[in-house]
Protein backbone atom coordinates (compact mmCIF):
# COMPACT_ATOMS: atom_id res chain seq x y z
CA MET A 1 -0.04 0.13 -0.01
CA VAL A 2 1.29 3.49 -1.71
CA ARG A 3 0.90 6.25 1.58
CA SER A 4 0.71 9.49 0.11
CA ARG A 5 3.07 12.01 1.62
CA ARG A 6 2.63 15.09 2.88
CA GLN A 7 4.98 18.45 2.86
CA PRO A 8 5.29 19.38 6.89
CA LEU A 9 3.09 22.79 6.78
CA GLY A 10 5.90 25.39 7.28
CA SER A 11 8.10 24.04 4.70
CA VAL A 12 4.50 25.05 2.65
CA ILE A 13 4.33 28.42 4.18
CA ALA A 14 8.28 28.70 3.07
CA VAL A 15 7.38 27.32 -0.45
CA ASN A 16 4.87 30.09 -1.07
CA ALA A 17 5.99 32.71 0.74
CA VAL A 18 9.39 32.95 -1.53
CA LEU A 19 6.91 32.91 -4.34
CA VAL A 20 5.00 35.73 -3.66
CA LEU A 21 7.87 37.78 -2.72
CA ALA A 22 9.60 36.77 -6.30
CA ALA A 23 6.56 37.30 -8.02
CA ALA A 24 5.77 41.12 -6.39
CA TYR A 25 9.69 41.25 -6.92
CA PHE A 26 9.01 41.34 -10.76
CA LEU A 27 5.52 42.85 -11.22
CA LEU A 28 6.23 45.84 -8.82
CA PRO A 29 8.06 47.59 -11.27
CA LEU A 30 5.66 46.94 -13.87
CA LEU A 31 2.56 47.64 -11.42
CA TRP A 32 4.38 51.24 -10.91
CA VAL A 33 4.93 51.97 -14.64
CA VAL A 34 1.87 51.16 -15.59
CA ILE A 35 0.04 53.60 -13.00
CA ALA A 36 2.41 56.24 -13.80
CA ALA A 37 1.54 55.93 -17.30
CA THR A 38 -1.60 57.51 -16.35
CA LYS A 39 -0.53 60.66 -14.26
CA SER A 40 0.65 64.27 -14.90
CA PRO A 41 3.73 65.35 -15.01
CA GLY A 42 3.48 66.88 -11.87
CA ASP A 43 2.09 64.19 -10.66
CA LEU A 44 4.40 61.60 -12.12
CA PHE A 45 6.97 61.87 -8.82
CA ALA A 46 4.86 63.78 -6.69
CA SER A 47 2.22 61.37 -5.45
CA PHE A 48 2.31 58.07 -4.33
CA GLY A 49 3.30 55.71 -6.99
CA LEU A 50 1.89 52.93 -6.76
CA TRP A 51 -1.55 54.28 -6.14
CA PHE A 52 -3.28 56.41 -9.73
CA SER A 53 -3.71 59.93 -9.74
CA ASP A 54 -6.68 62.65 -9.08
CA SER A 55 -6.84 63.42 -12.51
CA PRO A 56 -5.80 60.75 -14.43
CA GLN A 57 -5.07 61.61 -18.49
CA ALA A 58 -3.42 58.24 -20.13
CA LEU A 59 -5.36 58.59 -23.43
CA GLU A 60 -4.06 61.98 -23.30
CA ASN A 61 -0.56 60.76 -22.19
CA LEU A 62 -0.71 58.45 -25.27
CA SER A 63 -1.96 60.69 -27.98
CA ARG A 64 1.34 63.27 -26.82
CA LEU A 65 2.95 59.97 -26.86
CA PHE A 66 2.15 59.39 -30.60
CA THR A 67 2.39 62.34 -31.68
CA GLN A 68 5.73 63.31 -30.57
CA ASP A 69 8.53 64.35 -33.06
CA GLY A 70 6.00 63.80 -36.31
CA GLY A 71 5.11 60.63 -34.53
CA ILE A 72 8.51 58.66 -34.43
CA PHE A 73 6.93 56.45 -31.28
CA GLY A 74 5.41 54.50 -33.79
CA THR A 75 7.91 54.10 -36.66
CA TRP A 76 9.77 52.59 -33.53
CA VAL A 77 7.47 50.12 -32.36
CA LEU A 78 7.13 49.17 -35.81
CA ASN A 79 10.37 48.66 -35.68
CA SER A 80 10.64 46.84 -32.76
CA VAL A 81 7.98 44.36 -34.23
CA LEU A 82 10.33 43.61 -37.28
CA TYR A 83 13.13 43.42 -35.53
CA SER A 84 12.06 40.82 -33.22
CA ALA A 85 9.49 38.97 -34.95
CA VAL A 86 11.89 38.74 -37.96
CA GLY A 87 14.54 37.73 -36.28
CA ALA A 88 12.91 35.14 -33.97
CA PHE A 89 10.87 33.18 -36.04
CA VAL A 90 14.35 32.21 -38.24
CA ALA A 91 15.92 31.69 -35.49
CA MET A 92 12.90 29.49 -34.23
CA VAL A 93 13.26 27.70 -37.61
CA LEU A 94 17.49 27.87 -37.48
CA SER A 95 17.20 26.74 -33.69
CA ALA A 96 14.64 23.86 -34.64
CA ALA A 97 15.99 22.98 -37.98
CA CYS A 98 19.85 21.99 -35.67
CA GLY A 99 18.83 20.56 -32.69
CA TYR A 100 16.27 18.52 -34.28
CA ALA A 101 19.55 17.10 -37.02
CA ILE A 102 21.61 16.97 -33.53
CA ALA A 103 19.82 14.76 -32.09
CA LYS A 104 18.60 12.13 -34.45
CA TYR A 105 21.60 11.79 -36.91
CA VAL A 106 24.26 9.85 -35.98
CA PHE A 107 27.49 12.17 -37.97
CA ARG A 108 31.34 12.17 -37.23
CA GLY A 109 31.79 15.70 -35.16
CA ARG A 110 28.27 15.81 -33.14
CA GLU A 111 29.18 16.50 -29.89
CA THR A 112 32.19 18.76 -30.47
CA LEU A 113 29.56 20.58 -32.86
CA PHE A 114 27.05 20.94 -29.92
CA SER A 115 29.41 22.07 -27.73
CA VAL A 116 30.47 24.67 -29.75
CA ILE A 117 27.14 25.83 -30.45
CA LEU A 118 26.38 25.39 -26.12
CA GLY A 119 30.00 28.00 -26.12
CA GLY A 120 27.39 30.67 -27.52
CA VAL A 121 25.52 30.70 -24.80
CA LEU A 122 28.65 32.45 -22.42
CA VAL A 123 29.51 34.41 -24.95
CA PRO A 124 28.29 38.15 -23.83
CA ALA A 125 26.90 40.25 -25.77
CA THR A 126 29.50 42.81 -25.09
CA VAL A 127 32.21 41.10 -26.58
CA ILE A 128 30.53 40.25 -29.98
CA ALA A 129 29.03 43.48 -30.49
CA LEU A 130 32.59 45.25 -31.53
CA PRO A 131 33.56 42.51 -34.05
CA LEU A 132 30.27 42.03 -35.27
CA TYR A 133 29.86 46.05 -36.30
CA PHE A 134 33.39 45.57 -37.88
CA LEU A 135 32.35 42.85 -40.01
CA LEU A 136 28.41 44.24 -40.71
CA ASN A 137 30.28 47.53 -41.23
CA ALA A 138 32.46 45.80 -44.33
CA ALA A 139 29.31 44.57 -45.81
CA GLY A 140 28.42 48.06 -46.06
CA LEU A 141 25.00 46.61 -43.59
CA THR A 142 25.13 49.03 -40.44
CA GLY A 143 23.13 51.36 -40.34
CA THR A 144 20.52 49.09 -42.22
CA TYR A 145 17.75 46.84 -40.93
CA TRP A 146 20.33 44.06 -41.55
CA ALA A 147 22.41 44.91 -38.86
CA VAL A 148 20.25 44.25 -36.05
CA LEU A 149 17.63 41.69 -38.12
CA LEU A 150 20.74 38.82 -38.92
CA PRO A 151 22.60 38.08 -35.88
CA SER A 152 19.42 38.29 -34.14
CA MET A 153 18.66 34.91 -36.28
CA VAL A 154 20.81 33.24 -34.36
CA SER A 155 20.02 32.14 -31.10
CA PRO A 156 23.00 29.31 -29.61
CA PHE A 157 20.69 27.71 -26.13
CA GLY A 158 17.04 27.82 -29.28
CA VAL A 159 19.41 25.22 -30.43
CA TYR A 160 19.98 23.39 -27.42
CA LEU A 161 16.63 23.74 -26.22
CA ALA A 162 15.65 21.95 -29.82
CA ARG A 163 17.72 19.18 -29.66
CA ILE A 164 16.62 18.47 -25.86
CA GLN A 165 12.55 18.56 -27.20
CA ALA A 166 13.37 16.32 -29.69
CA ASN A 167 15.14 13.25 -28.59
CA ALA A 168 12.03 13.60 -25.34
CA ALA A 169 9.38 14.36 -27.87
CA VAL A 170 10.05 12.94 -31.14
CA PRO A 171 10.28 8.99 -30.85
CA ASP A 172 12.46 7.21 -33.25
CA GLU A 173 9.83 4.81 -33.98
CA VAL A 174 7.90 7.40 -35.37
CA ILE A 175 10.89 8.86 -38.13
CA GLU A 176 10.90 5.33 -38.90
CA ALA A 177 7.11 4.88 -39.67
CA ALA A 178 7.05 7.84 -41.63
CA ARG A 179 10.39 6.60 -43.66
CA ILE A 180 8.45 3.32 -44.05
CA ASP A 181 5.82 5.28 -45.71
CA GLY A 182 7.51 6.73 -48.73
CA ALA A 183 8.36 10.28 -46.50
CA GLY A 184 11.74 11.84 -47.08
CA ASP A 185 13.85 14.40 -44.45
CA LEU A 186 11.94 17.08 -44.85
CA ARG A 187 8.41 16.24 -45.03
CA ILE A 188 9.22 13.84 -41.59
CA PHE A 189 10.66 17.18 -40.54
CA GLY A 190 8.58 19.67 -41.75
CA SER A 191 4.68 17.77 -41.10
CA ILE A 192 6.41 15.57 -38.47
CA ALA A 193 8.41 16.23 -35.78
CA THR A 194 8.00 20.15 -35.54
CA ARG A 195 4.46 19.26 -34.76
CA MET A 196 5.82 17.63 -31.85
CA MET A 197 8.42 19.82 -30.93
CA VAL A 198 5.60 23.05 -30.64
CA PRO A 199 6.20 23.67 -26.85
CA ALA A 200 9.89 24.33 -27.53
CA LEU A 201 9.26 26.01 -30.19
CA VAL A 202 7.26 28.81 -29.25
CA THR A 203 9.74 28.83 -25.71
CA ILE A 204 12.28 29.66 -28.10
CA PHE A 205 10.66 32.17 -30.56
CA LEU A 206 9.17 33.98 -27.28
CA PHE A 207 12.74 33.98 -25.65
CA GLN A 208 14.19 35.26 -28.80
CA PHE A 209 11.53 37.76 -29.47
CA VAL A 210 11.82 38.97 -25.29
CA THR A 211 15.43 39.18 -26.24
CA ILE A 212 15.54 40.86 -28.67
CA TRP A 213 12.90 43.44 -27.80
CA ASN A 214 14.77 44.11 -25.26
CA ASN A 215 18.40 44.37 -27.10
CA TYR A 216 19.59 47.76 -26.24
CA LEU A 217 23.60 47.50 -27.22
CA LEU A 218 23.24 46.21 -31.03
CA PRO A 219 20.59 48.45 -31.70
CA LEU A 220 23.12 51.10 -30.15
CA VAL A 221 26.57 49.83 -32.23
CA MET A 222 24.53 49.52 -34.91
CA LEU A 223 22.37 51.89 -35.83
CA ASN A 224 22.80 55.87 -36.27
CA ASP A 225 19.18 56.83 -37.87
CA THR A 226 16.27 57.74 -35.22
CA LYS A 227 13.69 56.32 -38.14
CA THR A 228 15.62 52.75 -37.45
CA PHE A 229 15.74 52.76 -33.57
CA PRO A 230 14.06 50.20 -31.77
CA ILE A 231 12.14 51.23 -29.00
CA THR A 232 14.73 50.84 -26.12
CA LEU A 233 16.78 53.69 -28.03
CA GLY A 234 14.07 55.08 -29.02
CA LEU A 235 13.73 55.61 -25.47
CA THR A 236 16.66 55.98 -24.11
CA LEU A 237 17.19 59.06 -26.86
CA TRP A 238 13.84 60.79 -24.70
CA ASN A 239 15.44 60.53 -22.16
CA SER A 240 18.83 62.06 -22.63
CA GLN A 241 16.72 65.00 -22.55
CA THR A 242 15.00 65.25 -19.51
CA GLN A 243 17.34 67.36 -18.14
CA ARG A 244 16.21 69.82 -20.65
CA ASP A 245 13.05 69.56 -21.12
CA PRO A 246 11.36 67.32 -17.69
CA MET A 247 7.72 66.47 -20.07
CA PHE A 248 9.99 63.97 -21.99
CA TYR A 249 9.87 62.16 -17.88
CA GLN A 250 6.33 61.15 -18.78
CA LEU A 251 7.08 60.29 -22.55
CA VAL A 252 9.80 57.98 -21.31
CA VAL A 253 7.31 56.43 -18.59
CA THR A 254 4.66 55.96 -21.07
CA GLY A 255 6.97 54.10 -23.51
CA SER A 256 7.68 51.92 -20.99
CA ALA A 257 4.17 51.23 -20.26
CA VAL A 258 3.67 50.30 -23.56
CA SER A 259 6.40 48.50 -24.48
CA ALA A 260 5.22 46.51 -21.24
CA ILE A 261 1.61 45.48 -22.00
CA LEU A 262 3.18 44.63 -25.80
CA LEU A 263 4.75 42.34 -24.48
CA VAL A 264 2.89 41.15 -22.09
CA ALA A 265 -0.09 40.85 -24.75
CA LEU A 266 2.27 38.79 -26.89
CA MET A 267 2.97 35.80 -23.72
CA VAL A 268 -0.73 35.84 -23.17
CA SER A 269 -1.77 34.89 -26.86
CA LEU A 270 1.03 32.31 -27.08
CA GLN A 271 0.26 30.15 -23.97
CA ARG A 272 -2.24 28.16 -24.90
CA PHE A 273 0.48 26.21 -27.90
CA TRP A 274 2.21 25.25 -24.56
CA LYS A 275 0.29 21.78 -23.98
CA ALA A 276 2.62 18.97 -22.18
CA ASP A 277 2.61 15.40 -23.27
CA LEU A 278 1.47 16.78 -26.76
CA THR A 279 2.69 12.73 -27.99
CA ALA A 280 1.57 11.12 -25.77
CA GLY A 281 0.16 7.42 -26.55
CA ALA A 282 2.46 8.38 -30.09
CA THR A 283 3.93 5.15 -29.62
CA LYS A 284 1.16 2.73 -28.08
CA GLY A 285 -0.64 0.08 -29.57
């Protein structure tokens, strides 16, 4: 007879307390910036940060945000969406193909190649920023959208995650059965394996999307035209003008709130793709 083990009440309380503290640590800054985006410039620092002012003006702040400097913030939003969506999608496809190949094909140097790819996870972005600039400058791509897009299309962590998911979720029996039915390797990968790897693919896409969206150093090094700036670089430009005109404080806060809300909306919209045991029973008779 198997007896269920109950966790001590003290351990449960301690774990929940740590989780509550962690949630507060991550959510309070987001809550502050969303509330601050509804305040007037005069109330931004005069009133309590975690509560709304008596005269909220969220619509006025949004209107000023999207009309400042000829509506340049809308261009920054579109640029961030372009960089993040295209870069994350290509990185997801390349990571899935590479991770699947390393997981399911045996070839000489496979583990060495995988170790080299994992080494890319340990390399800080600051180390490769300058070499990337010289490389892309020699190709005449600095100052263009490609200067940000091309480096964003590679994700060593995505390759690692895709290999783990391919090993766990794509049974060799399914691949062999597909080959017996006459399916080629590309069809097996595109029609069968990718469907079984959906949770990992969505995770790779989201991780890369958020990384590119929040990236500041790469656009700073590569871009020189404000019309190609993403949100991070654009808001930094406005923040540098707060000493000259304090009105830019409110623009930066409101822009940060819009950026955060867009990311939260993306997370919520893709949450339904995280499903466990997608292939449960795939090899059971």
